[in-house]
């Protein structure tokens, strides 16, 4: 191998030049606690935080993204997650609970990261956060649908599963 070809990769590393786009830090929302797959109050809190993260991050995407596909996806996230929040609240009340308004909690760091990003980097970060967030939401809903302690909430969790699965399929097809 010619000496120039052996030196080029080392020189690129030394100068901080990479052939691919540098990876941005990515802080996905924290996963829900294990108790959220069995205990109704924990499930309601975790589902609310998940939905609020999706709504808040997607409102940022509508403000910041110039990519039509990302913007369409973001609007769908807002619409769908407002609906799942309403269904969860209704089911919780039906099961005799008094749900409190959702809070971002640990997902605030993810929102902060999105707030600081712009342009194509924002789009990559948004999609990059959405994938693990939806995977965690899917596990949450599947777990509560199987093991939950309140019937109306179990049914609500079961109805959320295909919605979240659809979102994951769409995310897997989006460029990152």
C-alpha atoms as a PDB file:
ATOM      1  CA  UNK A   1       0.000   0.000   0.000  1.00  0.00           C
ATOM      2  CA  UNK A   2       1.408   3.405  -0.933  1.00  0.00           C
ATOM      3  CA  UNK A   3       2.530   5.513   2.009  1.00  0.00           C
ATOM      4  CA  UNK A   4       0.059   8.319   1.137  1.00  0.00           C
ATOM      5  CA  UNK A   5      -2.918   5.937   1.473  1.00  0.00           C
ATOM      6  CA  UNK A   6      -1.692   4.810   4.904  1.00  0.00           C
ATOM      7  CA  UNK A   7      -1.178   8.363   6.125  1.00  0.00           C
ATOM      8  CA  UNK A   8      -4.468   9.816   4.838  1.00  0.00           C
ATOM      9  CA  UNK A   9      -6.757   8.189   7.456  1.00  0.00           C
ATOM     10  CA  UNK A  10      -4.472   9.210  10.313  1.00  0.00           C
ATOM     11  CA  UNK A  11      -4.235  12.751   8.950  1.00  0.00           C
ATOM     12  CA  UNK A  12      -8.032  12.977   8.687  1.00  0.00           C
ATOM     13  CA  UNK A  13      -8.388  11.831  12.285  1.00  0.00           C
ATOM     14  CA  UNK A  14      -5.731  14.262  13.489  1.00  0.00           C
ATOM     15  CA  UNK A  15      -7.459  17.157  11.733  1.00  0.00           C
ATOM     16  CA  UNK A  16     -10.915  16.094  12.931  1.00  0.00           C
ATOM     17  CA  UNK A  17     -12.122  15.480   9.390  1.00  0.00           C
ATOM     18  CA  UNK A  18     -14.488  12.597   8.808  1.00  0.00           C
ATOM     19  CA  UNK A  19     -15.972  11.218   5.640  1.00  0.00           C
ATOM     20  CA  UNK A  20     -19.365  10.796   7.295  1.00  0.00           C
ATOM     21  CA  UNK A  21     -21.357  13.428   9.084  1.00  0.00           C
ATOM     22  CA  UNK A  22     -20.207  13.635  12.685  1.00  0.00           C
ATOM     23  CA  UNK A  23     -22.581  12.058  15.147  1.00  0.00           C
ATOM     24  CA  UNK A  24     -24.437  14.458  17.394  1.00  0.00           C
ATOM     25  CA  UNK A  25     -24.967  13.707  21.020  1.00  0.00           C
ATOM     26  CA  UNK A  26     -28.310  12.054  21.376  1.00  0.00           C
ATOM     27  CA  UNK A  27     -30.286  11.911  24.565  1.00  0.00           C
ATOM     28  CA  UNK A  28     -33.373   9.762  24.127  1.00  0.00           C
ATOM     29  CA  UNK A  29     -36.028  10.093  26.801  1.00  0.00           C
ATOM     30  CA  UNK A  30     -35.443   7.734  29.731  1.00  0.00           C
ATOM     31  CA  UNK A  31     -37.283   4.403  29.672  1.00  0.00           C
ATOM     32  CA  UNK A  32     -40.268   4.020  31.987  1.00  0.00           C
ATOM     33  CA  UNK A  33     -39.793   2.272  35.328  1.00  0.00           C
ATOM     34  CA  UNK A  34     -40.489  -1.467  35.441  1.00  0.00           C
ATOM     35  CA  UNK A  35     -43.495  -0.911  37.731  1.00  0.00           C
ATOM     36  CA  UNK A  36     -45.205   0.985  34.894  1.00  0.00           C
ATOM     37  CA  UNK A  37     -45.957  -2.291  33.123  1.00  0.00           C
ATOM     38  CA  UNK A  38     -48.058  -3.567  36.021  1.00  0.00           C
ATOM     39  CA  UNK A  39     -49.256  -0.754  38.286  1.00  0.00           C
ATOM     40  CA  UNK A  40     -51.838   1.666  36.943  1.00  0.00           C
ATOM     41  CA  UNK A  41     -50.575   4.895  38.569  1.00  0.00           C
ATOM     42  CA  UNK A  42     -47.044   4.245  37.276  1.00  0.00           C
ATOM     43  CA  UNK A  43     -48.372   3.350  33.822  1.00  0.00           C
ATOM     44  CA  UNK A  44     -50.479   6.523  33.605  1.00  0.00           C
ATOM     45  CA  UNK A  45     -47.507   8.655  34.615  1.00  0.00           C
ATOM     46  CA  UNK A  46     -45.113   6.935  32.175  1.00  0.00           C
ATOM     47  CA  UNK A  47     -47.588   6.977  29.278  1.00  0.00           C
ATOM     48  CA  UNK A  48     -48.292  10.652  29.944  1.00  0.00           C
ATOM     49  CA  UNK A  49     -44.587  11.521  29.966  1.00  0.00           C
ATOM     50  CA  UNK A  50     -44.060   9.560  26.749  1.00  0.00           C
ATOM     51  CA  UNK A  51     -46.937  11.289  24.984  1.00  0.00           C
ATOM     52  CA  UNK A  52     -45.898  14.725  26.246  1.00  0.00           C
ATOM     53  CA  UNK A  53     -42.359  14.162  24.977  1.00  0.00           C
ATOM     54  CA  UNK A  54     -43.740  13.170  21.555  1.00  0.00           C
ATOM     55  CA  UNK A  55     -46.014  16.199  21.394  1.00  0.00           C
ATOM     56  CA  UNK A  56     -43.394  18.674  22.609  1.00  0.00           C
ATOM     57  CA  UNK A  57     -40.582  17.343  20.406  1.00  0.00           C
ATOM     58  CA  UNK A  58     -42.894  17.281  17.404  1.00  0.00           C
ATOM     59  CA  UNK A  59     -43.986  20.882  17.961  1.00  0.00           C
ATOM     60  CA  UNK A  60     -40.288  21.774  17.847  1.00  0.00           C
ATOM     61  CA  UNK A  61     -40.003  19.811  14.595  1.00  0.00           C
ATOM     62  CA  UNK A  62     -42.834  21.847  13.089  1.00  0.00           C
ATOM     63  CA  UNK A  63     -40.978  25.032  14.059  1.00  0.00           C
ATOM     64  CA  UNK A  64     -37.465  23.983  13.072  1.00  0.00           C
ATOM     65  CA  UNK A  65     -37.559  21.414  10.283  1.00  0.00           C
ATOM     66  CA  UNK A  66     -37.683  22.375   6.620  1.00  0.00           C
ATOM     67  CA  UNK A  67     -38.076  18.736   5.545  1.00  0.00           C
ATOM     68  CA  UNK A  68     -41.660  18.085   4.429  1.00  0.00           C
ATOM     69  CA  UNK A  69     -41.530  14.404   5.463  1.00  0.00           C
ATOM     70  CA  UNK A  70     -40.295  15.272   8.947  1.00  0.00           C
ATOM     71  CA  UNK A  71     -42.957  17.958   9.288  1.00  0.00           C
ATOM     72  CA  UNK A  72     -45.741  15.559   8.186  1.00  0.00           C
ATOM     73  CA  UNK A  73     -44.503  12.951  10.635  1.00  0.00           C
ATOM     74  CA  UNK A  74     -44.317  15.544  13.420  1.00  0.00           C
ATOM     75  CA  UNK A  75     -47.907  16.672  12.834  1.00  0.00           C
ATOM     76  CA  UNK A  76     -49.055  13.066  12.904  1.00  0.00           C
ATOM     77  CA  UNK A  77     -47.176  12.572  16.203  1.00  0.00           C
ATOM     78  CA  UNK A  78     -48.963  15.542  17.737  1.00  0.00           C
ATOM     79  CA  UNK A  79     -52.367  14.327  16.557  1.00  0.00           C
ATOM     80  CA  UNK A  80     -51.875  10.677  17.528  1.00  0.00           C
ATOM     81  CA  UNK A  81     -50.261  11.331  20.901  1.00  0.00           C
ATOM     82  CA  UNK A  82     -52.928  13.847  21.906  1.00  0.00           C
ATOM     83  CA  UNK A  83     -55.444  11.097  21.154  1.00  0.00           C
ATOM     84  CA  UNK A  84     -53.568   8.446  23.146  1.00  0.00           C
ATOM     85  CA  UNK A  85     -53.219  10.855  26.074  1.00  0.00           C
ATOM     86  CA  UNK A  86     -56.959  11.501  26.047  1.00  0.00           C
ATOM     87  CA  UNK A  87     -57.680   7.748  25.853  1.00  0.00           C
ATOM     88  CA  UNK A  88     -55.334   7.029  28.761  1.00  0.00           C
ATOM     89  CA  UNK A  89     -56.890   9.761  30.913  1.00  0.00           C
ATOM     90  CA  UNK A  90     -60.400   8.538  30.115  1.00  0.00           C
ATOM     91  CA  UNK A  91     -59.469   4.921  30.903  1.00  0.00           C
ATOM     92  CA  UNK A  92     -57.752   5.939  34.140  1.00  0.00           C
ATOM     93  CA  UNK A  93     -60.864   7.793  35.271  1.00  0.00           C
ATOM     94  CA  UNK A  94     -63.012   4.819  34.298  1.00  0.00           C
ATOM     95  CA  UNK A  95     -60.776   2.668  36.507  1.00  0.00           C
ATOM     96  CA  UNK A  96     -61.260   5.077  39.419  1.00  0.00           C
ATOM     97  CA  UNK A  97     -57.951   6.953  39.199  1.00  0.00           C
ATOM     98  CA  UNK A  98     -57.422  10.708  39.192  1.00  0.00           C
ATOM     99  CA  UNK A  99     -54.649  11.286  36.670  1.00  0.00           C
ATOM    100  CA  UNK A 100     -52.573  14.432  37.001  1.00  0.00           C
ATOM    101  CA  UNK A 101     -51.361  16.398  33.979  1.00  0.00           C
ATOM    102  CA  UNK A 102     -48.330  14.729  32.379  1.00  0.00           C
ATOM    103  CA  UNK A 103     -44.836  16.063  33.021  1.00  0.00           C
ATOM    104  CA  UNK A 104     -41.689  15.737  30.938  1.00  0.00           C
ATOM    105  CA  UNK A 105     -39.509  14.626  33.836  1.00  0.00           C
ATOM    106  CA  UNK A 106     -36.307  13.074  32.512  1.00  0.00           C
ATOM    107  CA  UNK A 107     -37.372  13.741  28.920  1.00  0.00           C
ATOM    108  CA  UNK A 108     -36.619  17.445  29.464  1.00  0.00           C
ATOM    109  CA  UNK A 109     -32.955  16.804  28.552  1.00  0.00           C
ATOM    110  CA  UNK A 110     -34.024  15.400  25.189  1.00  0.00           C
ATOM    111  CA  UNK A 111     -36.195  18.445  24.514  1.00  0.00           C
ATOM    112  CA  UNK A 112     -33.321  20.747  25.475  1.00  0.00           C
ATOM    113  CA  UNK A 113     -31.048  18.976  23.040  1.00  0.00           C
ATOM    114  CA  UNK A 114     -33.597  19.389  20.255  1.00  0.00           C
ATOM    115  CA  UNK A 115     -34.047  23.055  21.138  1.00  0.00           C
ATOM    116  CA  UNK A 116     -30.343  23.686  20.549  1.00  0.00           C
ATOM    117  CA  UNK A 117     -30.170  21.819  17.200  1.00  0.00           C
ATOM    118  CA  UNK A 118     -30.970  23.309  13.805  1.00  0.00           C
ATOM    119  CA  UNK A 119     -31.103  22.463  10.121  1.00  0.00           C
ATOM    120  CA  UNK A 120     -30.360  18.934   8.976  1.00  0.00           C
ATOM    121  CA  UNK A 121     -28.771  18.204  12.352  1.00  0.00           C
ATOM    122  CA  UNK A 122     -32.148  18.866  13.979  1.00  0.00           C
ATOM    123  CA  UNK A 123     -33.883  16.410  11.642  1.00  0.00           C
ATOM    124  CA  UNK A 124     -31.297  13.684  12.324  1.00  0.00           C
ATOM    125  CA  UNK A 125     -31.515  14.257  16.065  1.00  0.00           C
ATOM    126  CA  UNK A 126     -35.320  14.342  16.077  1.00  0.00           C
ATOM    127  CA  UNK A 127     -35.593  11.053  14.179  1.00  0.00           C
ATOM    128  CA  UNK A 128     -32.754   9.585  16.237  1.00  0.00           C
ATOM    129  CA  UNK A 129     -34.618  10.362  19.468  1.00  0.00           C
ATOM    130  CA  UNK A 130     -37.964   9.171  18.140  1.00  0.00           C
ATOM    131  CA  UNK A 131     -36.795   5.609  17.488  1.00  0.00           C
ATOM    132  CA  UNK A 132     -35.778   4.665  21.068  1.00  0.00           C
ATOM    133  CA  UNK A 133     -38.654   6.722  22.487  1.00  0.00           C
ATOM    134  CA  UNK A 134     -41.168   4.733  20.449  1.00  0.00           C
ATOM    135  CA  UNK A 135     -39.485   1.429  21.247  1.00  0.00           C
ATOM    136  CA  UNK A 136     -39.761   2.241  24.964  1.00  0.00           C
ATOM    137  CA  UNK A 137     -43.401   3.292  24.508  1.00  0.00           C
ATOM    138  CA  UNK A 138     -44.158   0.040  22.705  1.00  0.00           C
ATOM    139  CA  UNK A 139     -42.635  -1.988  25.543  1.00  0.00           C
ATOM    140  CA  UNK A 140     -44.604   0.070  28.069  1.00  0.00           C
ATOM    141  CA  UNK A 141     -47.956  -0.463  26.336  1.00  0.00           C
ATOM    142  CA  UNK A 142     -47.304  -4.136  25.607  1.00  0.00           C
ATOM    143  CA  UNK A 143     -46.245  -4.747  29.187  1.00  0.00           C
ATOM    144  CA  UNK A 144     -49.256  -3.040  30.717  1.00  0.00           C
ATOM    145  CA  UNK A 145     -51.660  -4.654  28.242  1.00  0.00           C
ATOM    146  CA  UNK A 146     -50.339  -8.044  29.375  1.00  0.00           C
ATOM    147  CA  UNK A 147     -49.739  -7.413  33.095  1.00  0.00           C
ATOM    148  CA  UNK A 148     -51.685  -4.301  34.100  1.00  0.00           C
ATOM    149  CA  UNK A 149     -53.873  -4.154  37.168  1.00  0.00           C
ATOM    150  CA  UNK A 150     -56.778  -2.072  35.786  1.00  0.00           C
ATOM    151  CA  UNK A 151     -59.064  -3.339  32.980  1.00  0.00           C
ATOM    152  CA  UNK A 152     -59.892  -0.093  31.180  1.00  0.00           C
ATOM    153  CA  UNK A 153     -56.239   0.948  31.178  1.00  0.00           C
ATOM    154  CA  UNK A 154     -55.215  -2.499  29.909  1.00  0.00           C
ATOM    155  CA  UNK A 155     -57.629  -2.072  27.001  1.00  0.00           C
ATOM    156  CA  UNK A 156     -56.313   1.450  26.343  1.00  0.00           C
ATOM    157  CA  UNK A 157     -52.718   0.174  26.368  1.00  0.00           C
ATOM    158  CA  UNK A 158     -53.691  -2.592  23.942  1.00  0.00           C
ATOM    159  CA  UNK A 159     -55.238  -0.057  21.562  1.00  0.00           C
ATOM    160  CA  UNK A 160     -52.071   2.081  21.663  1.00  0.00           C
ATOM    161  CA  UNK A 161     -49.830  -0.793  20.523  1.00  0.00           C
ATOM    162  CA  UNK A 162     -50.701  -0.723  16.779  1.00  0.00           C
ATOM    163  CA  UNK A 163     -50.376   3.063  16.724  1.00  0.00           C
ATOM    164  CA  UNK A 164     -46.871   2.942  18.174  1.00  0.00           C
ATOM    165  CA  UNK A 165     -45.934   0.047  15.876  1.00  0.00           C
ATOM    166  CA  UNK A 166     -47.026   2.133  12.880  1.00  0.00           C
ATOM    167  CA  UNK A 167     -44.837   5.010  14.081  1.00  0.00           C
ATOM    168  CA  UNK A 168     -41.831   2.691  14.430  1.00  0.00           C
ATOM    169  CA  UNK A 169     -42.327   1.359  10.902  1.00  0.00           C
ATOM    170  CA  UNK A 170     -42.493   4.895   9.536  1.00  0.00           C
ATOM    171  CA  UNK A 171     -39.384   5.937  11.476  1.00  0.00           C
ATOM    172  CA  UNK A 172     -37.433   2.981  10.138  1.00  0.00           C
ATOM    173  CA  UNK A 173     -38.131   4.207   6.603  1.00  0.00           C
ATOM    174  CA  UNK A 174     -37.107   7.825   7.233  1.00  0.00           C
ATOM    175  CA  UNK A 175     -33.588   8.926   6.312  1.00  0.00           C
ATOM    176  CA  UNK A 176     -31.305   9.580   9.268  1.00  0.00           C
END
